[in-house]
C-alpha atoms as a PDB file:
ATOM      1  CA  MET A   1      41.374 108.515   6.151  1.00  0.00           C
ATOM      2  CA  ASP A   2      44.780 107.183   5.965  1.00  0.00           C
ATOM      3  CA  SER A   3      46.803 110.066   7.473  1.00  0.00           C
ATOM      4  CA  ARG A   4      50.107 108.796   5.955  1.00  0.00           C
ATOM      5  CA  ASN A   5      49.160 109.707   2.577  1.00  0.00           C
ATOM      6  CA  CYS A   6      45.726 111.131   2.501  1.00  0.00           C
ATOM      7  CA  LEU A   7      44.195 108.112   0.811  1.00  0.00           C
ATOM      8  CA  PRO A   8      41.027 106.524   2.115  1.00  0.00           C
ATOM      9  CA  GLU A   9      41.464 103.701   4.349  1.00  0.00           C
ATOM     10  CA  LEU A  10      41.131 100.159   2.814  1.00  0.00           C
ATOM     11  CA  LEU A  11      39.186  97.926   5.157  1.00  0.00           C
ATOM     12  CA  LEU A  12      38.993  94.219   4.421  1.00  0.00           C
ATOM     13  CA  PRO A  13      36.849  91.600   5.876  1.00  0.00           C
ATOM     14  CA  VAL A  14      38.222  88.549   8.002  1.00  0.00           C
ATOM     15  CA  GLY A  15      36.545  85.496   8.959  1.00  0.00           C
ATOM     16  CA  THR A  16      39.722  83.045   9.475  1.00  0.00           C
ATOM     17  CA  ARG A  17      43.305  83.752  10.477  1.00  0.00           C
ATOM     18  CA  GLU A  18      44.192  82.931   6.751  1.00  0.00           C
ATOM     19  CA  MET A  19      41.887  85.811   5.705  1.00  0.00           C
ATOM     20  CA  LEU A  20      43.787  88.150   8.153  1.00  0.00           C
ATOM     21  CA  GLU A  21      47.097  87.232   6.606  1.00  0.00           C
ATOM     22  CA  ALA A  22      45.864  87.536   3.140  1.00  0.00           C
ATOM     23  CA  ALA A  23      44.346  90.978   3.775  1.00  0.00           C
ATOM     24  CA  VAL A  24      47.534  92.184   5.822  1.00  0.00           C
ATOM     25  CA  ASN A  25      49.781  90.958   3.022  1.00  0.00           C
ATOM     26  CA  ASN A  26      47.921  92.339   0.147  1.00  0.00           C
ATOM     27  CA  GLY A  27      47.441  96.062   1.164  1.00  0.00           C
ATOM     28  CA  ALA A  28      44.766  96.389   3.685  1.00  0.00           C
ATOM     29  CA  ASP A  29      45.046  99.402   5.949  1.00  0.00           C
ATOM     30  CA  ALA A  30      42.693  97.863   8.480  1.00  0.00           C
ATOM     31  CA  VAL A  31      40.472  94.740   9.142  1.00  0.00           C
ATOM     32  CA  TYR A  32      37.357  93.768  10.851  1.00  0.00           C
ATOM     33  CA  PHE A  33      36.366  90.522  12.320  1.00  0.00           C
ATOM     34  CA  GLY A  34      33.566  89.403  14.610  1.00  0.00           C
ATOM     35  CA  VAL A  35      33.485  89.348  18.270  1.00  0.00           C
ATOM     36  CA  PRO A  36      32.940  85.773  19.582  1.00  0.00           C
ATOM     37  CA  HIS A  37      29.055  85.146  19.628  1.00  0.00           C
ATOM     38  CA  TRP A  38      28.122  88.788  19.402  1.00  0.00           C
ATOM     39  CA  ASN A  39      28.440  89.523  15.651  1.00  0.00           C
ATOM     40  CA  ALA A  40      26.184  89.523  12.502  1.00  0.00           C
ATOM     41  CA  ARG A  41      28.069  86.704  10.765  1.00  0.00           C
ATOM     42  CA  GLY A  42      27.103  83.582  12.877  1.00  0.00           C
ATOM     43  CA  ARG A  43      28.459  81.286  10.249  1.00  0.00           C
ATOM     44  CA  THR A  44      31.903  82.385  10.331  1.00  0.00           C
ATOM     45  CA  GLU A  45      34.613  80.716  12.540  1.00  0.00           C
ATOM     46  CA  ASP A  46      33.869  81.690  16.141  1.00  0.00           C
ATOM     47  CA  PHE A  47      37.099  83.148  17.464  1.00  0.00           C
ATOM     48  CA  SER A  48      38.164  82.430  20.918  1.00  0.00           C
ATOM     49  CA  PHE A  49      39.435  85.480  23.230  1.00  0.00           C
ATOM     50  CA  GLU A  50      43.017  84.095  22.717  1.00  0.00           C
ATOM     51  CA  ASP A  51      42.362  84.023  18.900  1.00  0.00           C
ATOM     52  CA  VAL A  52      41.053  87.962  18.870  1.00  0.00           C
ATOM     53  CA  ARG A  53      44.134  88.797  20.967  1.00  0.00           C
ATOM     54  CA  ASP A  54      46.649  87.154  18.803  1.00  0.00           C
ATOM     55  CA  MET A  55      45.028  88.494  15.502  1.00  0.00           C
ATOM     56  CA  ILE A  56      45.063  92.061  16.833  1.00  0.00           C
ATOM     57  CA  ARG A  57      48.813  91.650  17.975  1.00  0.00           C
ATOM     58  CA  TYR A  58      49.498  90.248  14.457  1.00  0.00           C
ATOM     59  CA  ALA A  59      47.929  93.163  12.562  1.00  0.00           C
ATOM     60  CA  ARG A  60      49.383  95.758  15.047  1.00  0.00           C
ATOM     61  CA  ILE A  61      52.959  94.874  14.469  1.00  0.00           C
ATOM     62  CA  ARG A  62      52.367  95.328  10.839  1.00  0.00           C
ATOM     63  CA  GLY A  63      50.732  98.600  10.967  1.00  0.00           C
ATOM     64  CA  VAL A  64      47.282  97.494  10.207  1.00  0.00           C
ATOM     65  CA  ARG A  65      43.981  98.540  12.433  1.00  0.00           C
ATOM     66  CA  THR A  66      41.618  95.989  13.719  1.00  0.00           C
ATOM     67  CA  PHE A  67      37.923  96.468  14.280  1.00  0.00           C
ATOM     68  CA  LEU A  68      35.747  94.297  16.233  1.00  0.00           C
ATOM     69  CA  ALA A  69      32.269  93.629  14.736  1.00  0.00           C
ATOM     70  CA  MET A  70      29.908  93.502  17.588  1.00  0.00           C
ATOM     71  CA  ASN A  71      26.807  94.482  15.359  1.00  0.00           C
ATOM     72  CA  VAL A  72      24.010  92.425  16.721  1.00  0.00           C
ATOM     73  CA  LEU A  73      20.932  93.582  18.791  1.00  0.00           C
ATOM     74  CA  VAL A  74      21.536  92.857  22.524  1.00  0.00           C
ATOM     75  CA  PHE A  75      18.676  91.234  24.430  1.00  0.00           C
ATOM     76  CA  GLU A  76      17.958  92.465  27.994  1.00  0.00           C
ATOM     77  CA  ARG A  77      18.555  89.212  29.491  1.00  0.00           C
ATOM     78  CA  GLU A  78      22.195  89.288  28.245  1.00  0.00           C
ATOM     79  CA  LEU A  79      23.118  92.678  29.665  1.00  0.00           C
ATOM     80  CA  GLN A  80      24.475  91.267  32.773  1.00  0.00           C
ATOM     81  CA  GLU A  81      27.356  89.256  31.316  1.00  0.00           C
ATOM     82  CA  LEU A  82      28.398  91.963  29.025  1.00  0.00           C
ATOM     83  CA  PRO A  83      30.539  94.538  31.136  1.00  0.00           C
ATOM     84  CA  GLU A  84      32.935  91.869  32.167  1.00  0.00           C
ATOM     85  CA  PHE A  85      33.246  90.486  28.701  1.00  0.00           C
ATOM     86  CA  LEU A  86      33.806  94.031  27.194  1.00  0.00           C
ATOM     87  CA  GLU A  87      36.405  94.917  29.730  1.00  0.00           C
ATOM     88  CA  LYS A  88      38.321  91.893  28.558  1.00  0.00           C
ATOM     89  CA  LEU A  89      38.229  93.073  24.901  1.00  0.00           C
ATOM     90  CA  ILE A  90      38.925  96.637  25.496  1.00  0.00           C
ATOM     91  CA  SER A  91      42.054  95.639  27.377  1.00  0.00           C
ATOM     92  CA  LEU A  92      43.268  94.153  23.958  1.00  0.00           C
ATOM     93  CA  GLU A  93      43.133  97.720  22.501  1.00  0.00           C
ATOM     94  CA  PRO A  94      41.311  97.135  19.228  1.00  0.00           C
ATOM     95  CA  GLY A  95      41.084  99.968  16.975  1.00  0.00           C
ATOM     96  CA  ALA A  96      37.333 100.255  17.317  1.00  0.00           C
ATOM     97  CA  PHE A  97      34.120  98.206  17.809  1.00  0.00           C
ATOM     98  CA  ILE A  98      31.346  98.283  14.985  1.00  0.00           C
ATOM     99  CA  ILE A  99      28.088  98.640  16.758  1.00  0.00           C
ATOM    100  CA  GLN A 100      24.392  98.503  15.812  1.00  0.00           C
ATOM    101  CA  ASP A 101      22.820  98.600  19.148  1.00  0.00           C
ATOM    102  CA  ILE A 102      22.780 102.135  20.918  1.00  0.00           C
ATOM    103  CA  GLY A 103      22.604 100.600  24.278  1.00  0.00           C
ATOM    104  CA  LEU A 104      25.734  98.580  23.686  1.00  0.00           C
ATOM    105  CA  ALA A 105      27.578 101.745  22.306  1.00  0.00           C
ATOM    106  CA  ARG A 106      26.662 103.629  25.538  1.00  0.00           C
ATOM    107  CA  LEU A 107      27.866 100.636  27.631  1.00  0.00           C
ATOM    108  CA  ILE A 108      31.337 100.676  25.956  1.00  0.00           C
ATOM    109  CA  ARG A 109      31.487 104.454  26.443  1.00  0.00           C
ATOM    110  CA  ALA A 110      30.705 104.181  30.038  1.00  0.00           C
ATOM    111  CA  ILE A 111      33.585 101.444  30.497  1.00  0.00           C
ATOM    112  CA  CYS A 112      36.233 103.122  28.365  1.00  0.00           C
ATOM    113  CA  PRO A 113      35.339 106.711  27.389  1.00  0.00           C
ATOM    114  CA  ASN A 114      38.228 106.921  24.886  1.00  0.00           C
ATOM    115  CA  GLN A 115      37.409 103.719  23.025  1.00  0.00           C
ATOM    116  CA  GLU A 116      36.561 104.297  19.441  1.00  0.00           C
ATOM    117  CA  ILE A 117      33.263 103.024  18.211  1.00  0.00           C
ATOM    118  CA  HIS A 118      31.622 102.987  14.728  1.00  0.00           C
ATOM    119  CA  ALA A 119      27.848 103.080  13.851  1.00  0.00           C
ATOM    120  CA  SER A 120      27.126  99.966  11.667  1.00  0.00           C
ATOM    121  CA  THR A 121      25.599 100.001   8.333  1.00  0.00           C
ATOM    122  CA  GLN A 122      22.764  98.111  10.103  1.00  0.00           C
ATOM    123  CA  MET A 123      21.702 101.398  11.765  1.00  0.00           C
ATOM    124  CA  THR A 124      20.445 102.562   8.266  1.00  0.00           C
ATOM    125  CA  LEU A 125      22.510 105.743   8.208  1.00  0.00           C
ATOM    126  CA  ALA A 126      21.143 107.318   4.931  1.00  0.00           C
ATOM    127  CA  SER A 127      21.011 110.923   5.888  1.00  0.00           C
ATOM    128  CA  ALA A 128      23.146 113.902   7.349  1.00  0.00           C
ATOM    129  CA  GLU A 129      20.536 114.042  10.136  1.00  0.00           C
ATOM    130  CA  SER A 130      21.060 110.328  11.055  1.00  0.00           C
ATOM    131  CA  VAL A 131      24.941 110.703  10.802  1.00  0.00           C
ATOM    132  CA  ASN A 132      25.016 113.628  13.092  1.00  0.00           C
ATOM    133  CA  ALA A 133      22.694 111.837  15.486  1.00  0.00           C
ATOM    134  CA  VAL A 134      25.114 109.035  16.132  1.00  0.00           C
ATOM    135  CA  LYS A 135      27.915 111.511  16.425  1.00  0.00           C
ATOM    136  CA  SER A 136      26.026 113.197  19.465  1.00  0.00           C
ATOM    137  CA  ILE A 137      25.756 109.815  21.066  1.00  0.00           C
ATOM    138  CA  GLY A 138      29.511 109.388  20.782  1.00  0.00           C
ATOM    139  CA  PHE A 139      30.315 107.482  17.726  1.00  0.00           C
ATOM    140  CA  ASN A 140      33.555 108.252  15.921  1.00  0.00           C
ATOM    141  CA  ARG A 141      32.476 107.179  12.649  1.00  0.00           C
ATOM    142  CA  ALA A 142      29.322 106.110  10.551  1.00  0.00           C
ATOM    143  CA  VAL A 143      29.084 103.223   7.954  1.00  0.00           C
ATOM    144  CA  LEU A 144      26.782 104.533   5.390  1.00  0.00           C
ATOM    145  CA  ALA A 145      23.771 102.513   3.997  1.00  0.00           C
ATOM    146  CA  ARG A 146      24.632 100.767   0.797  1.00  0.00           C
ATOM    147  CA  GLU A 147      21.589 102.357  -0.880  1.00  0.00           C
ATOM    148  CA  LEU A 148      23.151 105.567  -1.296  1.00  0.00           C
ATOM    149  CA  SER A 149      24.207 107.128  -4.578  1.00  0.00           C
ATOM    150  CA  LEU A 150      27.530 109.325  -4.936  1.00  0.00           C
ATOM    151  CA  LYS A 151      25.403 112.448  -4.877  1.00  0.00           C
ATOM    152  CA  GLU A 152      23.689 111.566  -1.686  1.00  0.00           C
ATOM    153  CA  ILE A 153      27.162 110.497   0.004  1.00  0.00           C
ATOM    154  CA  ALA A 154      28.647 113.946  -1.128  1.00  0.00           C
ATOM    155  CA  SER A 155      25.731 115.729   0.525  1.00  0.00           C
ATOM    156  CA  ILE A 156      26.177 113.946   3.555  1.00  0.00           C
ATOM    157  CA  LYS A 157      29.788 114.481   3.681  1.00  0.00           C
ATOM    158  CA  ALA A 158      29.228 118.125   3.309  1.00  0.00           C
ATOM    159  CA  ALA A 159      26.851 118.281   6.258  1.00  0.00           C
ATOM    160  CA  THR A 160      29.059 116.424   8.896  1.00  0.00           C
ATOM    161  CA  ASP A 161      32.574 116.307  10.140  1.00  0.00           C
ATOM    162  CA  LEU A 162      32.145 112.710  11.411  1.00  0.00           C
ATOM    163  CA  GLU A 163      34.211 110.037   9.708  1.00  0.00           C
ATOM    164  CA  LEU A 164      32.407 108.281   6.778  1.00  0.00           C
ATOM    165  CA  GLU A 165      32.746 104.694   5.781  1.00  0.00           C
ATOM    166  CA  VAL A 166      31.268 103.287   2.490  1.00  0.00           C
ATOM    167  CA  PHE A 167      31.066  99.896   1.142  1.00  0.00           C
ATOM    168  CA  ILE A 168      32.929  99.444  -2.080  1.00  0.00           C
ATOM    169  CA  HIS A 169      32.704  95.618  -2.879  1.00  0.00           C
ATOM    170  CA  GLY A 170      30.853  92.531  -2.130  1.00  0.00           C
ATOM    171  CA  ALA A 171      27.410  91.261  -1.761  1.00  0.00           C
ATOM    172  CA  LEU A 172      24.283  93.672  -1.687  1.00  0.00           C
ATOM    173  CA  CYS A 173      21.251  92.885   0.548  1.00  0.00           C
ATOM    174  CA  VAL A 174      17.787  93.400  -0.936  1.00  0.00           C
ATOM    175  CA  SER A 175      16.645  94.952   2.323  1.00  0.00           C
ATOM    176  CA  TYR A 176      17.493  98.391   3.180  1.00  0.00           C
ATOM    177  CA  SER A 177      20.711  98.248   5.033  1.00  0.00           C
ATOM    178  CA  GLY A 178      20.421  94.719   5.743  1.00  0.00           C
ATOM    179  CA  GLN A 179      17.267  95.240   7.901  1.00  0.00           C
ATOM    180  CA  CYS A 180      15.741  91.868   6.793  1.00  0.00           C
ATOM    181  CA  LEU A 181      12.964  90.154   8.571  1.00  0.00           C
ATOM    182  CA  THR A 182      12.231  87.214   6.135  1.00  0.00           C
ATOM    183  CA  SER A 183      14.821  84.857   7.514  1.00  0.00           C
ATOM    184  CA  GLU A 184      13.261  85.244  11.126  1.00  0.00           C
ATOM    185  CA  ASN A 185       9.764  84.991   9.651  1.00  0.00           C
ATOM    186  CA  PHE A 186      10.562  81.982   7.572  1.00  0.00           C
ATOM    187  CA  GLY A 187      12.769  79.908   9.564  1.00  0.00           C
ATOM    188  CA  GLY A 188      13.128  81.684  13.001  1.00  0.00           C
ATOM    189  CA  ARG A 189      16.947  82.666  12.258  1.00  0.00           C
ATOM    190  CA  SER A 190      17.358  86.273  12.888  1.00  0.00           C
ATOM    191  CA  ALA A 191      19.612  88.279  10.418  1.00  0.00           C
ATOM    192  CA  ASN A 192      20.285  90.846  13.235  1.00  0.00           C
ATOM    193  CA  ARG A 193      21.604  88.187  15.357  1.00  0.00           C
ATOM    194  CA  GLY A 194      24.077  86.675  12.898  1.00  0.00           C
ATOM    195  CA  GLN A 195      21.926  83.857  11.573  1.00  0.00           C
ATOM    196  CA  CYS A 196      20.615  85.247   8.132  1.00  0.00           C
ATOM    197  CA  ALA A 197      19.216  82.337   6.037  1.00  0.00           C
ATOM    198  CA  GLN A 198      19.629  84.328   2.798  1.00  0.00           C
ATOM    199  CA  SER A 199      16.221  84.104   1.878  1.00  0.00           C
ATOM    200  CA  CYS A 200      16.870  86.735  -0.866  1.00  0.00           C
ATOM    201  CA  ARG A 201      18.907  84.087  -2.757  1.00  0.00           C
ATOM    202  CA  LEU A 202      16.068  81.488  -3.045  1.00  0.00           C
ATOM    203  CA  PRO A 203      13.874  80.970  -6.192  1.00  0.00           C
ATOM    204  CA  TYR A 204      10.223  82.577  -6.007  1.00  0.00           C
ATOM    205  CA  ARG A 205       7.232  82.379  -8.337  1.00  0.00           C
ATOM    206  CA  ILE A 206       5.160  85.444  -9.425  1.00  0.00           C
ATOM    207  CA  PHE A 207       1.368  85.473  -8.997  1.00  0.00           C
ATOM    208  CA  VAL A 208      -0.815  88.186 -10.431  1.00  0.00           C
ATOM    209  CA  ASP A 209      -4.450  88.299  -9.583  1.00  0.00           C
ATOM    210  CA  GLY A 210      -4.229  84.743  -8.096  1.00  0.00           C
ATOM    211  CA  LYS A 211      -2.616  83.302 -11.406  1.00  0.00           C
ATOM    212  CA  GLU A 212       1.029  82.491 -11.685  1.00  0.00           C
ATOM    213  CA  TYR A 213       2.902  84.710 -14.101  1.00  0.00           C
ATOM    214  CA  ARG A 214       5.046  82.567 -16.335  1.00  0.00           C
ATOM    215  CA  GLU A 215       6.108  84.976 -19.216  1.00  0.00           C
ATOM    216  CA  THR A 216       9.643  85.449 -17.558  1.00  0.00           C
ATOM    217  CA  ASP A 217      12.668  83.293 -16.875  1.00  0.00           C
ATOM    218  CA  ALA A 218      13.242  85.174 -13.579  1.00  0.00           C
ATOM    219  CA  GLN A 219      12.923  83.271 -10.552  1.00  0.00           C
ATOM    220  CA  TYR A 220      15.613  84.833  -8.161  1.00  0.00           C
ATOM    221  CA  LEU A 221      13.510  87.904  -7.777  1.00  0.00           C
ATOM    222  CA  PHE A 222      15.289  89.420  -4.655  1.00  0.00           C
ATOM    223  CA  SER A 223      18.910  88.646  -5.407  1.00  0.00           C
ATOM    224  CA  PRO A 224      20.985  91.553  -6.301  1.00  0.00           C
ATOM    225  CA  HIS A 225      24.098  91.417  -8.245  1.00  0.00           C
ATOM    226  CA  ASP A 226      27.343  92.130  -6.383  1.00  0.00           C
ATOM    227  CA  LEU A 227      28.919  95.542  -5.833  1.00  0.00           C
ATOM    228  CA  CYS A 228      32.165  96.517  -7.406  1.00  0.00           C
ATOM    229  CA  ALA A 229      33.093 100.337  -6.903  1.00  0.00           C
ATOM    230  CA  LEU A 230      36.399 100.263  -8.767  1.00  0.00           C
ATOM    231  CA  PRO A 231      34.917 102.365 -11.660  1.00  0.00           C
ATOM    232  CA  LYS A 232      33.666 105.057  -9.058  1.00  0.00           C
ATOM    233  CA  LEU A 233      36.801 104.866  -6.798  1.00  0.00           C
ATOM    234  CA  LYS A 234      38.193 108.307  -7.829  1.00  0.00           C
ATOM    235  CA  GLU A 235      34.849 110.141  -7.222  1.00  0.00           C
ATOM    236  CA  LEU A 236      34.593 108.380  -3.766  1.00  0.00           C
ATOM    237  CA  GLU A 237      38.238 109.858  -3.052  1.00  0.00           C
ATOM    238  CA  GLU A 238      37.172 113.511  -4.322  1.00  0.00           C
ATOM    239  CA  ILE A 239      34.029 113.383  -2.096  1.00  0.00           C
ATOM    240  CA  GLY A 240      36.475 112.689   0.916  1.00  0.00           C
ATOM    241  CA  VAL A 241      35.137 109.224   2.079  1.00  0.00           C
ATOM    242  CA  ASP A 242      37.396 108.267   5.076  1.00  0.00           C
ATOM    243  CA  SER A 243      37.089 104.521   4.850  1.00  0.00           C
ATOM    244  CA  LEU A 244      36.303 101.994   1.934  1.00  0.00           C
ATOM    245  CA  LYS A 245      34.920  98.724   3.025  1.00  0.00           C
ATOM    246  CA  VAL A 246      34.841  95.437   1.433  1.00  0.00           C
ATOM    247  CA  GLU A 247      32.132  92.859   2.416  1.00  0.00           C
ATOM    248  CA  GLY A 248      32.861  89.259   2.759  1.00  0.00           C
ATOM    249  CA  ARG A 249      33.750  87.492   6.143  1.00  0.00           C
ATOM    250  CA  LEU A 250      32.241  84.412   4.616  1.00  0.00           C
ATOM    251  CA  LYS A 251      34.460  84.371   1.653  1.00  0.00           C
ATOM    252  CA  SER A 252      37.969  82.670   1.207  1.00  0.00           C
ATOM    253  CA  PRO A 253      41.333  83.860   1.710  1.00  0.00           C
ATOM    254  CA  GLU A 254      41.856  83.977  -1.943  1.00  0.00           C
ATOM    255  CA  TYR A 255      39.058  86.301  -2.398  1.00  0.00           C
ATOM    256  CA  VAL A 256      40.466  88.676   0.303  1.00  0.00           C
ATOM    257  CA  ALA A 257      43.733  88.712  -1.316  1.00  0.00           C
ATOM    258  CA  ALA A 258      42.538  89.584  -4.793  1.00  0.00           C
ATOM    259  CA  VAL A 259      40.178  92.189  -3.911  1.00  0.00           C
ATOM    260  CA  SER A 260      42.706  93.936  -1.572  1.00  0.00           C
ATOM    261  CA  ARG A 261      45.382  93.723  -4.127  1.00  0.00           C
ATOM    262  CA  ALA A 262      42.952  95.139  -6.889  1.00  0.00           C
ATOM    263  CA  TYR A 263      41.734  98.088  -4.689  1.00  0.00           C
ATOM    264  CA  ARG A 264      45.316  98.880  -3.343  1.00  0.00           C
ATOM    265  CA  LYS A 265      46.548  99.220  -6.655  1.00  0.00           C
ATOM    266  CA  ALA A 266      43.794 101.421  -8.028  1.00  0.00           C
ATOM    267  CA  LEU A 267      44.104 103.529  -4.863  1.00  0.00           C
ATOM    268  CA  ASN A 268      47.803 103.945  -5.430  1.00  0.00           C
ATOM    269  CA  GLY A 269      47.056 105.210  -9.021  1.00  0.00           C
ATOM    270  CA  THR A 270      48.190 101.901 -10.730  1.00  0.00           C
ATOM    271  CA  SER A 271      46.173 101.041 -13.804  1.00  0.00           C
ATOM    272  CA  LEU A 272      44.425  97.710 -13.443  1.00  0.00           C
ATOM    273  CA  ASP A 273      44.847  94.879 -16.235  1.00  0.00           C
ATOM    274  CA  ALA A 274      42.918  91.755 -16.898  1.00  0.00           C
ATOM    275  CA  LYS A 275      45.091  89.721 -14.403  1.00  0.00           C
ATOM    276  CA  ASP A 276      43.695  92.038 -11.602  1.00  0.00           C
ATOM    277  CA  MET A 277      39.991  92.161 -12.708  1.00  0.00           C
ATOM    278  CA  GLU A 278      39.666  88.346 -13.627  1.00  0.00           C
ATOM    279  CA  PRO A 279      39.950  86.824  -9.946  1.00  0.00           C
ATOM    280  CA  LEU A 280      37.355  89.294  -8.863  1.00  0.00           C
ATOM    281  CA  GLU A 281      34.708  87.450 -10.971  1.00  0.00           C
ATOM    282  CA  VAL A 282      36.336  83.954 -10.863  1.00  0.00           C
ATOM    283  CA  LEU A 283      36.791  83.645  -6.932  1.00  0.00           C
ATOM    284  CA  PHE A 284      33.138  84.907  -6.202  1.00  0.00           C
ATOM    285  CA  SER A 285      30.934  86.989  -8.099  1.00  0.00           C
ATOM    286  CA  ARG A 286      27.075  87.168  -8.732  1.00  0.00           C
ATOM    287  CA  GLY A 287      27.951  89.596 -11.474  1.00  0.00           C
ATOM    288  CA  LEU A 288      29.651  92.902 -10.753  1.00  0.00           C
ATOM    289  CA  THR A 289      27.889  96.413 -10.778  1.00  0.00           C
ATOM    290  CA  THR A 290      28.247  99.696  -9.169  1.00  0.00           C
ATOM    291  CA  GLY A 291      25.344  99.142  -6.955  1.00  0.00           C
ATOM    292  CA  PHE A 292      23.352 102.175  -5.910  1.00  0.00           C
ATOM    293  CA  LEU A 293      26.346 104.507  -6.528  1.00  0.00           C
ATOM    294  CA  GLU A 294      24.877 105.883  -9.683  1.00  0.00           C
ATOM    295  CA  GLY A 295      21.404 106.017  -8.288  1.00  0.00           C
ATOM    296  CA  ASP A 296      18.406 103.320  -8.631  1.00  0.00           C
ATOM    297  CA  ASN A 297      18.328 100.955 -11.256  1.00  0.00           C
ATOM    298  CA  HIS A 298      16.520  97.976 -10.059  1.00  0.00           C
ATOM    299  CA  GLN A 299      16.386  96.088 -13.437  1.00  0.00           C
ATOM    300  CA  GLU A 300      20.268  96.313 -13.613  1.00  0.00           C
ATOM    301  CA  LEU A 301      20.785  95.345  -9.944  1.00  0.00           C
ATOM    302  CA  VAL A 302      18.433  92.208 -10.088  1.00  0.00           C
ATOM    303  CA  ASN A 303      18.830  90.031 -13.101  1.00  0.00           C
ATOM    304  CA  GLY A 304      16.613  87.394 -11.720  1.00  0.00           C
ATOM    305  CA  THR A 305      18.014  84.445 -13.448  1.00  0.00           C
ATOM    306  CA  PHE A 306      20.641  83.514 -11.034  1.00  0.00           C
ATOM    307  CA  SER A 307      21.559  83.886  -7.343  1.00  0.00           C
ATOM    308  CA  ASN A 308      25.013  82.336  -6.681  1.00  0.00           C
ATOM    309  CA  HIS A 309      28.549  82.510  -7.883  1.00  0.00           C
ATOM    310  CA  HIS A 310      28.449  83.498 -11.701  1.00  0.00           C
ATOM    311  CA  GLY A 311      32.042  83.516 -12.726  1.00  0.00           C
ATOM    312  CA  MET A 312      33.257  85.191 -15.789  1.00  0.00           C
ATOM    313  CA  VAL A 313      31.949  84.688 -19.427  1.00  0.00           C
ATOM    314  CA  LEU A 314      34.584  82.504 -21.336  1.00  0.00           C
ATOM    315  CA  GLY A 315      32.746  82.350 -24.734  1.00  0.00           C
ATOM    316  CA  GLN A 316      29.958  80.720 -26.526  1.00  0.00           C
ATOM    317  CA  VAL A 317      29.426  77.034 -27.053  1.00  0.00           C
ATOM    318  CA  VAL A 318      30.168  76.253 -30.833  1.00  0.00           C
ATOM    319  CA  LYS A 319      29.462  72.425 -30.684  1.00  0.00           C
ATOM    320  CA  ALA A 320      28.515  69.704 -28.378  1.00  0.00           C
ATOM    321  CA  ASP A 321      29.571  66.277 -29.956  1.00  0.00           C
ATOM    322  CA  ARG A 322      30.658  62.809 -28.726  1.00  0.00           C
ATOM    323  CA  GLY A 323      31.507  63.788 -25.044  1.00  0.00           C
ATOM    324  CA  GLN A 324      33.043  66.882 -26.060  1.00  0.00           C
ATOM    325  CA  VAL A 325      31.974  70.534 -25.734  1.00  0.00           C
ATOM    326  CA  ILE A 326      33.636  73.175 -28.251  1.00  0.00           C
ATOM    327  CA  VAL A 327      33.829  76.620 -26.920  1.00  0.00           C
ATOM    328  CA  GLY A 328      34.692  79.827 -28.925  1.00  0.00           C
ATOM    329  CA  LEU A 329      36.413  81.982 -26.500  1.00  0.00           C
ATOM    330  CA  ASP A 330      35.577  85.568 -26.035  1.00  0.00           C
ATOM    331  CA  SER A 331      39.288  86.084 -25.234  1.00  0.00           C
ATOM    332  CA  ALA A 332      42.435  84.044 -24.451  1.00  0.00           C
ATOM    333  CA  ILE A 333      42.336  82.710 -21.074  1.00  0.00           C
ATOM    334  CA  SER A 334      45.609  80.794 -20.993  1.00  0.00           C
ATOM    335  CA  ASP A 335      48.760  80.091 -22.975  1.00  0.00           C
ATOM    336  CA  ALA A 336      47.260  76.663 -24.177  1.00  0.00           C
ATOM    337  CA  GLY A 337      47.375  76.099 -27.977  1.00  0.00           C
ATOM    338  CA  GLU A 338      44.130  76.062 -29.986  1.00  0.00           C
ATOM    339  CA  ASN A 339      41.829  72.869 -29.403  1.00  0.00           C
ATOM    340  CA  ALA A 340      43.522  72.111 -26.189  1.00  0.00           C
ATOM    341  CA  THR A 341      41.583  69.402 -24.264  1.00  0.00           C
ATOM    342  CA  TYR A 342      41.164  69.020 -20.585  1.00  0.00           C
ATOM    343  CA  PRO A 343      40.093  65.530 -19.830  1.00  0.00           C
ATOM    344  CA  ARG A 344      38.831  64.836 -16.165  1.00  0.00           C
ATOM    345  CA  PRO A 345      38.890  61.329 -14.579  1.00  0.00           C
ATOM    346  CA  GLY A 346      35.296  59.732 -15.203  1.00  0.00           C
ATOM    347  CA  MET A 347      34.175  62.541 -16.994  1.00  0.00           C
ATOM    348  CA  ALA A 348      33.742  63.519 -20.809  1.00  0.00           C
ATOM    349  CA  SER A 349      36.545  65.866 -21.885  1.00  0.00           C
ATOM    350  CA  CYS A 350      35.972  69.632 -22.267  1.00  0.00           C
ATOM    351  CA  SER A 351      37.699  71.105 -25.421  1.00  0.00           C
ATOM    352  CA  LYS A 352      38.387  74.684 -26.263  1.00  0.00           C
ATOM    353  CA  THR A 353      39.025  76.668 -29.427  1.00  0.00           C
ATOM    354  CA  HIS A 354      40.030  80.176 -30.121  1.00  0.00           C
ATOM    355  CA  PRO A 355      37.585  82.300 -31.907  1.00  0.00           C
ATOM    356  CA  SER A 356      38.015  83.019 -35.695  1.00  0.00           C
ATOM    357  CA  VAL A 357      40.023  86.116 -36.253  1.00  0.00           C
END
């Protein structure tokens, strides 16, 4: 919770220096990024120690907290090299470490008893009992499982005094709290070591009693829509959630800026308009839903007909003729006049027309 104005903390993802600047300059209270080598997003830019130091300094002088994601499972053979590495990181005075491995949490506590640590969502914290268990170990905050409803979050909040963090925007994993083993089993790439192959985004076929089931267009059977909690933001505030977290360390700086700006406006009580909402779908979206916040609705959560960026609906194709596609727009998307044409070198032109009134 942001003590300055009693609003929940707005926590944004950072995968590059440009994403950090986008978050800081568009309303983030805090940011999180991966520790070199030891984080669950192996495909992000691997920051050097000097990068981490400079990014913490950049954020701190602008009043933004920094959390270091170290949310992987640590192998026993790696323990010997960790203490010295941790001591160097702790000397930079990050706001907190985001941890999945209990042994790693205890090691940080042993090195620096006052260092703040947060229990990662990958610990599958989905009950008051589990939240209070990590509190007893010494965690300062619990990042709740994304599969919880508002009612369940409220129930946990009523049964603990530990800080609670909830995901509000971004990708959803088909596996509970990201505890996915398919990437490891299919290709030897462990999701819990930052090497997720996104097996859930691949097409699959359905077989029933040994025969392929063809009476559906659904191929992407394990690919959920993305989460957007803007319609439920007020309820999360009323519950008393301390931190609102956005997923997306693999996204772009533009994505971070747009999402941060939209949620900052909403938290400040400013009504959002189409200019705020359109970038959330255009920059990256698999279709936006409120996820599990309203309870289980698997048919709504997984459409099955696509798995990647979906964009926004422009309208319906009215006519395709002689190298042109005429589209009747659902709403005006620019100030261009009717029947404007956008030619692209070497390609057929694409025309648009406003719908009949």
